[in-house]
PDB file of N, CA and C in Angstrom:
ATOM      1  N   MET A   1      -6.211 -18.442   9.554  1.00  0.00           N
ATOM      2  CA  MET A   1      -6.703 -17.250  10.419  1.00  0.00           C
ATOM      3  C   MET A   1      -6.088 -15.923  10.155  1.00  0.00           C
ATOM      4  N   ASN A   2      -4.859 -15.817   9.393  1.00  0.00           N
ATOM      5  CA  ASN A   2      -4.327 -14.409   8.774  1.00  0.00           C
ATOM      6  C   ASN A   2      -5.106 -14.375   7.523  1.00  0.00           C
ATOM      7  N   ASN A   3      -5.907 -15.163   6.827  1.00  0.00           N
ATOM      8  CA  ASN A   3      -6.766 -14.740   5.636  1.00  0.00           C
ATOM      9  C   ASN A   3      -8.039 -13.887   6.485  1.00  0.00           C
ATOM     10  N   MET A   4      -8.401 -14.531   7.410  1.00  0.00           N
ATOM     11  CA  MET A   4      -9.450 -13.554   8.039  1.00  0.00           C
ATOM     12  C   MET A   4      -9.017 -12.515   8.199  1.00  0.00           C
ATOM     13  N   MET A   5      -8.182 -12.121   8.969  1.00  0.00           N
ATOM     14  CA  MET A   5      -7.730 -10.719   9.230  1.00  0.00           C
ATOM     15  C   MET A   5      -7.450  -9.997   7.847  1.00  0.00           C
ATOM     16  N   VAL A   6      -6.775 -10.444   6.818  1.00  0.00           N
ATOM     17  CA  VAL A   6      -6.794  -9.694   5.896  1.00  0.00           C
ATOM     18  C   VAL A   6      -8.096  -9.581   5.451  1.00  0.00           C
ATOM     19  N   ILE A   7      -9.037 -10.014   5.282  1.00  0.00           N
ATOM     20  CA  ILE A   7     -10.507  -9.742   4.945  1.00  0.00           C
ATOM     21  C   ILE A   7     -10.981  -8.971   5.787  1.00  0.00           C
ATOM     22  N   PHE A   8     -10.460  -8.691   6.873  1.00  0.00           N
ATOM     23  CA  PHE A   8     -11.377  -8.048   8.158  1.00  0.00           C
ATOM     24  C   PHE A   8     -10.667  -6.323   7.655  1.00  0.00           C
ATOM     25  N   MET A   9      -9.480  -6.553   7.168  1.00  0.00           N
ATOM     26  CA  MET A   9      -8.702  -5.196   6.910  1.00  0.00           C
ATOM     27  C   MET A   9      -9.341  -4.456   5.689  1.00  0.00           C
ATOM     28  N   LEU A  10      -9.427  -5.581   4.892  1.00  0.00           N
ATOM     29  CA  LEU A  10      -9.716  -4.817   3.334  1.00  0.00           C
ATOM     30  C   LEU A  10     -11.576  -4.712   3.596  1.00  0.00           C
ATOM     31  N   CYS A  11     -12.251  -5.218   4.208  1.00  0.00           N
ATOM     32  CA  CYS A  11     -13.389  -4.522   4.842  1.00  0.00           C
ATOM     33  C   CYS A  11     -13.576  -3.357   5.137  1.00  0.00           C
ATOM     34  N   GLY A  12     -12.440  -3.241   5.931  1.00  0.00           N
ATOM     35  CA  GLY A  12     -12.293  -2.008   6.873  1.00  0.00           C
ATOM     36  C   GLY A  12     -12.203  -0.660   5.921  1.00  0.00           C
ATOM     37  N   ILE A  13     -11.251  -0.728   4.918  1.00  0.00           N
ATOM     38  CA  ILE A  13     -10.186  -0.293   4.003  1.00  0.00           C
ATOM     39  C   ILE A  13     -11.830   0.127   2.807  1.00  0.00           C
ATOM     40  N   THR A  14     -12.448  -0.708   2.601  1.00  0.00           N
ATOM     41  CA  THR A  14     -13.544  -0.788   1.261  1.00  0.00           C
ATOM     42  C   THR A  14     -14.567   0.500   2.095  1.00  0.00           C
ATOM     43  N   VAL A  15     -14.896  -0.158   3.445  1.00  0.00           N
ATOM     44  CA  VAL A  15     -15.981   1.218   4.112  1.00  0.00           C
ATOM     45  C   VAL A  15     -15.348   2.304   4.180  1.00  0.00           C
ATOM     46  N   PHE A  16     -14.380   2.450   4.340  1.00  0.00           N
ATOM     47  CA  PHE A  16     -13.856   4.044   4.694  1.00  0.00           C
ATOM     48  C   PHE A  16     -13.272   4.649   3.544  1.00  0.00           C
ATOM     49  N   CYS A  17     -13.179   3.826   2.271  1.00  0.00           N
ATOM     50  CA  CYS A  17     -12.950   4.389   1.022  1.00  0.00           C
ATOM     51  C   CYS A  17     -14.424   4.987   0.725  1.00  0.00           C
ATOM     52  N   SER A  18     -15.231   4.186   0.606  1.00  0.00           N
ATOM     53  CA  SER A  18     -16.656   4.451   0.150  1.00  0.00           C
ATOM     54  C   SER A  18     -17.681   5.155   1.073  1.00  0.00           C
ATOM     55  N   THR A  19     -16.960   5.526   1.931  1.00  0.00           N
ATOM     56  CA  THR A  19     -18.180   6.530   3.289  1.00  0.00           C
ATOM     57  C   THR A  19     -17.463   7.883   2.787  1.00  0.00           C
ATOM     58  N   ARG A  20     -18.573   8.690   1.754  1.00  0.00           N
ATOM     59  CA  ARG A  20     -18.810  10.054   1.417  1.00  0.00           C
ATOM     60  C   ARG A  20     -19.499  10.999   1.950  1.00  0.00           C
ATOM     61  N   LYS A  21     -20.360  10.204   3.041  1.00  0.00           N
ATOM     62  CA  LYS A  21     -21.581  11.150   3.686  1.00  0.00           C
ATOM     63  C   LYS A  21     -21.252  11.475   5.157  1.00  0.00           C
ATOM     64  N   HIS A  22     -21.135  10.532   5.882  1.00  0.00           N
ATOM     65  CA  HIS A  22     -20.836  11.037   7.162  1.00  0.00           C
ATOM     66  C   HIS A  22     -19.687  10.792   7.856  1.00  0.00           C
ATOM     67  N   ILE A  23     -19.269  11.555   8.482  1.00  0.00           N
ATOM     68  CA  ILE A  23     -17.956  11.416   9.346  1.00  0.00           C
ATOM     69  C   ILE A  23     -18.162  10.281  10.632  1.00  0.00           C
ATOM     70  N   LEU A  24     -19.069  10.107  10.765  1.00  0.00           N
ATOM     71  CA  LEU A  24     -19.143   8.915  11.658  1.00  0.00           C
ATOM     72  C   LEU A  24     -18.939   7.627  11.474  1.00  0.00           C
ATOM     73  N   LEU A  25     -19.380   7.502  10.302  1.00  0.00           N
ATOM     74  CA  LEU A  25     -19.466   6.135   9.298  1.00  0.00           C
ATOM     75  C   LEU A  25     -17.614   6.094   8.992  1.00  0.00           C
ATOM     76  N   SER A  26     -17.180   6.977   8.920  1.00  0.00           N
ATOM     77  CA  SER A  26     -15.722   6.822   8.756  1.00  0.00           C
ATOM     78  C   SER A  26     -14.544   6.798   9.787  1.00  0.00           C
ATOM     79  N   LEU A  27     -15.622   7.079  10.956  1.00  0.00           N
ATOM     80  CA  LEU A  27     -14.839   6.843  12.422  1.00  0.00           C
ATOM     81  C   LEU A  27     -14.937   5.356  12.639  1.00  0.00           C
ATOM     82  N   LEU A  28     -16.023   4.625  12.297  1.00  0.00           N
ATOM     83  CA  LEU A  28     -16.807   3.656  12.682  1.00  0.00           C
ATOM     84  C   LEU A  28     -15.606   2.446  11.653  1.00  0.00           C
ATOM     85  N   SER A  29     -15.257   3.159  10.676  1.00  0.00           N
ATOM     86  CA  SER A  29     -14.489   2.063   9.878  1.00  0.00           C
ATOM     87  C   SER A  29     -13.135   1.987  10.198  1.00  0.00           C
ATOM     88  N   LEU A  30     -12.474   3.278  10.858  1.00  0.00           N
ATOM     89  CA  LEU A  30     -11.231   3.143  10.771  1.00  0.00           C
ATOM     90  C   LEU A  30     -11.063   2.364  12.319  1.00  0.00           C
ATOM     91  N   GLU A  31     -12.224   2.454  13.290  1.00  0.00           N
ATOM     92  CA  GLU A  31     -12.151   1.774  14.622  1.00  0.00           C
ATOM     93  C   GLU A  31     -12.236   0.064  14.507  1.00  0.00           C
ATOM     94  N   PHE A  32     -12.722  -0.336  12.984  1.00  0.00           N
ATOM     95  CA  PHE A  32     -13.039  -1.379  12.751  1.00  0.00           C
ATOM     96  C   PHE A  32     -11.445  -2.104  12.483  1.00  0.00           C
ATOM     97  N   MET A  33     -10.998  -0.968  11.653  1.00  0.00           N
ATOM     98  CA  MET A  33      -9.601  -1.496  10.983  1.00  0.00           C
ATOM     99  C   MET A  33      -8.257  -1.430  12.452  1.00  0.00           C
ATOM    100  N   VAL A  34      -8.526  -0.766  13.302  1.00  0.00           N
ATOM    101  CA  VAL A  34      -7.903  -0.785  14.455  1.00  0.00           C
ATOM    102  C   VAL A  34      -8.040  -1.918  15.198  1.00  0.00           C
ATOM    103  N   LEU A  35      -9.179  -2.450  15.374  1.00  0.00           N
ATOM    104  CA  LEU A  35      -9.526  -3.544  16.157  1.00  0.00           C
ATOM    105  C   LEU A  35      -8.928  -4.907  15.176  1.00  0.00           C
ATOM    106  N   SER A  36      -9.217  -5.161  14.174  1.00  0.00           N
ATOM    107  CA  SER A  36      -8.779  -6.168  13.164  1.00  0.00           C
ATOM    108  C   SER A  36      -7.149  -6.031  13.392  1.00  0.00           C
ATOM    109  N   VAL A  37      -6.229  -4.810  13.379  1.00  0.00           N
ATOM    110  CA  VAL A  37      -4.989  -5.031  13.626  1.00  0.00           C
ATOM    111  C   VAL A  37      -4.380  -5.385  14.798  1.00  0.00           C
ATOM    112  N   TYR A  38      -5.310  -5.175  16.121  1.00  0.00           N
ATOM    113  CA  TYR A  38      -5.231  -5.363  17.346  1.00  0.00           C
ATOM    114  C   TYR A  38      -5.437  -7.062  17.520  1.00  0.00           C
ATOM    115  N   PHE A  39      -6.217  -7.680  16.757  1.00  0.00           N
ATOM    116  CA  PHE A  39      -6.774  -8.933  16.783  1.00  0.00           C
ATOM    117  C   PHE A  39      -5.247  -9.969  16.475  1.00  0.00           C
ATOM    118  N   LEU A  40      -4.692  -9.254  15.045  1.00  0.00           N
ATOM    119  CA  LEU A  40      -3.800  -9.847  14.395  1.00  0.00           C
ATOM    120  C   LEU A  40      -2.548  -9.932  14.978  1.00  0.00           C
ATOM    121  N   LEU A  41      -2.125  -8.790  15.957  1.00  0.00           N
ATOM    122  CA  LEU A  41      -1.025  -8.449  16.992  1.00  0.00           C
ATOM    123  C   LEU A  41      -1.391  -9.290  17.703  1.00  0.00           C
ATOM    124  N   PHE A  42      -2.672  -9.859  18.575  1.00  0.00           N
ATOM    125  CA  PHE A  42      -2.788 -10.598  19.894  1.00  0.00           C
ATOM    126  C   PHE A  42      -2.575 -11.975  19.193  1.00  0.00           C
ATOM    127  N   LEU A  43      -3.011 -12.458  18.101  1.00  0.00           N
ATOM    128  CA  LEU A  43      -2.436 -13.591  17.584  1.00  0.00           C
ATOM    129  C   LEU A  43      -1.103 -13.962  17.024  1.00  0.00           C
ATOM    130  N   THR A  44      -0.252 -12.804  16.648  1.00  0.00           N
ATOM    131  CA  THR A  44       1.031 -13.293  16.614  1.00  0.00           C
ATOM    132  C   THR A  44       1.808 -13.116  17.745  1.00  0.00           C
ATOM    133  N   MET A  45       1.431 -12.494  19.007  1.00  0.00           N
ATOM    134  CA  MET A  45       2.086 -12.328  20.260  1.00  0.00           C
ATOM    135  C   MET A  45       1.769 -13.917  20.793  1.00  0.00           C
ATOM    136  N   MET A  46       0.754 -14.188  20.412  1.00  0.00           N
ATOM    137  CA  MET A  46       0.221 -15.557  21.460  1.00  0.00           C
ATOM    138  C   MET A  46       1.135 -16.881  20.573  1.00  0.00           C
ATOM    139  N   LEU A  47       1.100 -16.291  19.324  1.00  0.00           N
ATOM    140  CA  LEU A  47       2.066 -17.293  18.168  1.00  0.00           C
ATOM    141  C   LEU A  47       3.259 -17.866  18.665  1.00  0.00           C
ATOM    142  N   PHE A  48       4.283 -16.562  18.791  1.00  0.00           N
ATOM    143  CA  PHE A  48       5.420 -16.678  19.518  1.00  0.00           C
ATOM    144  C   PHE A  48       5.531 -16.864  20.845  1.00  0.00           C
ATOM    145  N   ASN A  49       4.635 -16.531  21.754  1.00  0.00           N
ATOM    146  CA  ASN A  49       4.753 -16.716  23.216  1.00  0.00           C
ATOM    147  C   ASN A  49       5.596 -15.657  23.534  1.00  0.00           C
ATOM    148  N   TYR A  50       5.017 -14.133  22.909  1.00  0.00           N
ATOM    149  CA  TYR A  50       5.553 -12.914  23.629  1.00  0.00           C
ATOM    150  C   TYR A  50       4.747 -12.737  24.855  1.00  0.00           C
ATOM    151  N   GLU A  51       5.176 -11.677  25.919  1.00  0.00           N
ATOM    152  CA  GLU A  51       4.252 -11.185  26.444  1.00  0.00           C
ATOM    153  C   GLU A  51       3.210 -10.510  26.000  1.00  0.00           C
ATOM    154  N   LEU A  52       1.942 -10.006  26.694  1.00  0.00           N
ATOM    155  CA  LEU A  52       1.197  -9.446  26.019  1.00  0.00           C
ATOM    156  C   LEU A  52       0.911  -7.896  26.395  1.00  0.00           C
ATOM    157  N   TYR A  53       1.926  -7.346  27.008  1.00  0.00           N
ATOM    158  CA  TYR A  53       1.839  -6.073  27.452  1.00  0.00           C
ATOM    159  C   TYR A  53       1.712  -4.874  26.471  1.00  0.00           C
ATOM    160  N   PHE A  54       2.588  -5.351  25.331  1.00  0.00           N
ATOM    161  CA  PHE A  54       2.286  -4.516  24.050  1.00  0.00           C
ATOM    162  C   PHE A  54       0.984  -4.448  23.349  1.00  0.00           C
ATOM    163  N   THR A  55       0.246  -5.234  23.852  1.00  0.00           N
ATOM    164  CA  THR A  55      -1.113  -5.407  23.419  1.00  0.00           C
ATOM    165  C   THR A  55      -2.232  -4.552  24.153  1.00  0.00           C
ATOM    166  N   LEU A  56      -1.627  -4.194  25.249  1.00  0.00           N
ATOM    167  CA  LEU A  56      -2.745  -3.320  26.470  1.00  0.00           C
ATOM    168  C   LEU A  56      -2.416  -2.209  25.906  1.00  0.00           C
ATOM    169  N   PHE A  57      -0.883  -1.926  25.598  1.00  0.00           N
ATOM    170  CA  PHE A  57      -0.328  -0.138  25.338  1.00  0.00           C
ATOM    171  C   PHE A  57      -1.157   0.137  23.738  1.00  0.00           C
ATOM    172  N   PHE A  58      -1.450  -0.995  22.831  1.00  0.00           N
ATOM    173  CA  PHE A  58      -2.065  -0.673  21.804  1.00  0.00           C
ATOM    174  C   PHE A  58      -3.458  -0.185  21.875  1.00  0.00           C
ATOM    175  N   LEU A  59      -3.979  -1.171  22.894  1.00  0.00           N
ATOM    176  CA  LEU A  59      -5.609  -0.947  23.166  1.00  0.00           C
ATOM    177  C   LEU A  59      -5.448   0.366  23.803  1.00  0.00           C
ATOM    178  N   VAL A  60      -4.679   0.973  24.669  1.00  0.00           N
ATOM    179  CA  VAL A  60      -4.683   2.435  25.367  1.00  0.00           C
ATOM    180  C   VAL A  60      -4.407   3.237  24.075  1.00  0.00           C
ATOM    181  N   PHE A  61      -3.736   3.313  23.346  1.00  0.00           N
ATOM    182  CA  PHE A  61      -3.346   4.174  22.505  1.00  0.00           C
ATOM    183  C   PHE A  61      -4.722   4.643  21.394  1.00  0.00           C
ATOM    184  N   SER A  62      -5.439   3.458  21.047  1.00  0.00           N
ATOM    185  CA  SER A  62      -6.587   2.957  20.059  1.00  0.00           C
ATOM    186  C   SER A  62      -7.908   3.684  20.973  1.00  0.00           C
ATOM    187  N   VAL A  63      -8.073   3.428  22.036  1.00  0.00           N
ATOM    188  CA  VAL A  63      -9.310   3.937  22.795  1.00  0.00           C
ATOM    189  C   VAL A  63      -8.898   5.405  23.141  1.00  0.00           C
ATOM    190  N   CYS A  64      -7.836   6.006  23.066  1.00  0.00           N
ATOM    191  CA  CYS A  64      -7.133   7.560  22.856  1.00  0.00           C
ATOM    192  C   CYS A  64      -7.785   8.029  21.654  1.00  0.00           C
ATOM    193  N   GLU A  65      -7.294   7.267  20.400  1.00  0.00           N
ATOM    194  CA  GLU A  65      -7.241   7.496  19.225  1.00  0.00           C
ATOM    195  C   GLU A  65      -9.029   8.005  19.004  1.00  0.00           C
ATOM    196  N   GLY A  66      -9.637   6.762  19.532  1.00  0.00           N
ATOM    197  CA  GLY A  66     -11.085   6.959  19.281  1.00  0.00           C
ATOM    198  C   GLY A  66     -11.828   8.233  20.032  1.00  0.00           C
ATOM    199  N   ALA A  67     -11.407   8.333  21.673  1.00  0.00           N
ATOM    200  CA  ALA A  67     -12.123   9.775  22.321  1.00  0.00           C
ATOM    201  C   ALA A  67     -11.974  10.894  21.945  1.00  0.00           C
ATOM    202  N   LEU A  68     -10.527  10.799  21.114  1.00  0.00           N
ATOM    203  CA  LEU A  68     -10.344  11.909  20.156  1.00  0.00           C
ATOM    204  C   LEU A  68     -11.098  12.392  18.776  1.00  0.00           C
ATOM    205  N   GLY A  69     -11.274  11.316  18.089  1.00  0.00           N
ATOM    206  CA  GLY A  69     -12.089  11.179  17.140  1.00  0.00           C
ATOM    207  C   GLY A  69     -13.608  11.576  17.464  1.00  0.00           C
ATOM    208  N   LEU A  70     -14.293  11.260  18.602  1.00  0.00           N
ATOM    209  CA  LEU A  70     -15.691  11.582  18.943  1.00  0.00           C
ATOM    210  C   LEU A  70     -15.428  12.614  19.423  1.00  0.00           C
ATOM    211  N   SER A  71     -14.854  13.382  20.107  1.00  0.00           N
ATOM    212  CA  SER A  71     -14.277  14.892  20.710  1.00  0.00           C
ATOM    213  C   SER A  71     -14.477  15.654  19.578  1.00  0.00           C
ATOM    214  N   ILE A  72     -13.574  15.338  18.365  1.00  0.00           N
ATOM    215  CA  ILE A  72     -13.907  16.237  17.244  1.00  0.00           C
ATOM    216  C   ILE A  72     -14.981  16.124  16.621  1.00  0.00           C
ATOM    217  N   LEU A  73     -15.841  15.073  16.741  1.00  0.00           N
ATOM    218  CA  LEU A  73     -16.961  14.994  15.993  1.00  0.00           C
ATOM    219  C   LEU A  73     -17.883  15.907  16.301  1.00  0.00           C
ATOM    220  N   VAL A  74     -17.932  15.826  17.797  1.00  0.00           N
ATOM    221  CA  VAL A  74     -18.891  16.446  18.654  1.00  0.00           C
ATOM    222  C   VAL A  74     -18.439  18.239  18.598  1.00  0.00           C
ATOM    223  N   MET A  75     -17.360  18.422  18.270  1.00  0.00           N
ATOM    224  CA  MET A  75     -17.052  19.827  17.797  1.00  0.00           C
ATOM    225  C   MET A  75     -17.844  20.345  16.576  1.00  0.00           C
ATOM    226  N   LEU A  76     -17.453  19.410  15.729  1.00  0.00           N
ATOM    227  CA  LEU A  76     -17.988  19.607  14.653  1.00  0.00           C
ATOM    228  C   LEU A  76     -19.714  19.588  14.458  1.00  0.00           C
ATOM    229  N   VAL A  77     -20.204  19.058  15.098  1.00  0.00           N
ATOM    230  CA  VAL A  77     -21.843  18.851  15.064  1.00  0.00           C
ATOM    231  C   VAL A  77     -22.423  20.277  15.896  1.00  0.00           C
ATOM    232  N   ARG A  78     -21.537  20.708  16.767  1.00  0.00           N
ATOM    233  CA  ARG A  78     -22.073  21.652  17.815  1.00  0.00           C
ATOM    234  C   ARG A  78     -21.601  23.147  16.469  1.00  0.00           C
ATOM    235  N   SER A  79     -20.662  23.239  15.637  1.00  0.00           N
ATOM    236  CA  SER A  79     -20.048  24.234  15.327  1.00  0.00           C
ATOM    237  C   SER A  79     -21.424  24.305  13.743  1.00  0.00           C
ATOM    238  N   HIS A  80     -21.599  23.491  13.133  1.00  0.00           N
ATOM    239  CA  HIS A  80     -21.886  23.109  11.897  1.00  0.00           C
ATOM    240  C   HIS A  80     -23.279  22.615  11.965  1.00  0.00           C
ATOM    241  N   GLY A  81     -23.884  21.987  12.803  1.00  0.00           N
ATOM    242  CA  GLY A  81     -25.408  21.419  12.959  1.00  0.00           C
ATOM    243  C   GLY A  81     -25.403  20.108  12.582  1.00  0.00           C
ATOM    244  N   ASN A  82     -24.426  19.512  11.632  1.00  0.00           N
ATOM    245  CA  ASN A  82     -24.879  18.065  11.393  1.00  0.00           C
ATOM    246  C   ASN A  82     -22.951  17.432  10.834  1.00  0.00           C
ATOM    247  N   ASP A  83     -22.925  16.493  10.660  1.00  0.00           N
ATOM    248  CA  ASP A  83     -21.984  15.727  10.464  1.00  0.00           C
ATOM    249  C   ASP A  83     -21.841  14.814   9.103  1.00  0.00           C
ATOM    250  N   TYR A  84     -22.222  15.738   8.180  1.00  0.00           N
ATOM    251  CA  TYR A  84     -22.141  15.431   7.085  1.00  0.00           C
ATOM    252  C   TYR A  84     -20.475  15.833   6.378  1.00  0.00           C
ATOM    253  N   LEU A  85     -20.101  15.313   5.525  1.00  0.00           N
ATOM    254  CA  LEU A  85     -18.894  15.628   5.139  1.00  0.00           C
ATOM    255  C   LEU A  85     -18.484  16.700   4.431  1.00  0.00           C
ATOM    256  N   SER A  86     -19.885  16.796   3.418  1.00  0.00           N
ATOM    257  CA  SER A  86     -19.836  17.878   2.537  1.00  0.00           C
ATOM    258  C   SER A  86     -20.001  19.443   3.073  1.00  0.00           C
ATOM    259  N   SER A  87     -20.150  19.389   4.466  1.00  0.00           N
ATOM    260  CA  SER A  87     -20.447  21.028   4.983  1.00  0.00           C
ATOM    261  C   SER A  87     -18.991  21.115   5.720  1.00  0.00           C
ATOM    262  N   VAL A  88     -18.087  20.297   5.512  1.00  0.00           N
ATOM    263  CA  VAL A  88     -16.801  20.657   6.141  1.00  0.00           C
ATOM    264  C   VAL A  88     -15.838  20.946   5.262  1.00  0.00           C
ATOM    265  N   SER A  89     -15.022  21.880   5.066  1.00  0.00           N
ATOM    266  CA  SER A  89     -14.278  22.652   3.776  1.00  0.00           C
ATOM    267  C   SER A  89     -12.959  22.988   4.885  1.00  0.00           C
ATOM    268  N   ILE A  90     -11.935  22.790   4.087  1.00  0.00           N
ATOM    269  CA  ILE A  90     -10.438  23.528   4.718  1.00  0.00           C
ATOM    270  C   ILE A  90     -10.581  24.769   4.681  1.00  0.00           C
ATOM    271  N   LEU A  91     -11.214  25.374   3.651  1.00  0.00           N
ATOM    272  CA  LEU A  91     -11.168  26.888   3.998  1.00  0.00           C
ATOM    273  C   LEU A  91     -11.996  27.670   4.894  1.00  0.00           C
ATOM    274  N   THR A  92     -12.998  26.784   5.763  1.00  0.00           N
ATOM    275  CA  THR A  92     -13.999  27.475   6.660  1.00  0.00           C
ATOM    276  C   THR A  92     -13.005  27.247   7.765  1.00  0.00           C
ATOM    277  N   TRP A  93     -12.079  26.578   8.065  1.00  0.00           N
ATOM    278  CA  TRP A  93     -11.616  26.230   9.571  1.00  0.00           C
ATOM    279  C   TRP A  93     -10.598  27.550   9.802  1.00  0.00           C
TER     280      TRP A  93
END
């Protein structure tokens, strides 16, 4: 089961590193990695018979992170007109 989680994490890292065109694809790969970490955390908590309250806190923070990423994406699309990584430069902020 842990090997499957490692494969999920490596797939998320591979997609994140190979995404060079759209910001939305990189945000989706980051959310995929967060879900794989959550599932690994959940399995570890269940294995050692811990309380599952920490997983609830982890989900709350990951949802807040996702909402923040989407709000930044919407701001970027409204200001630049697209979500291409090539249109974003550090010098223009």
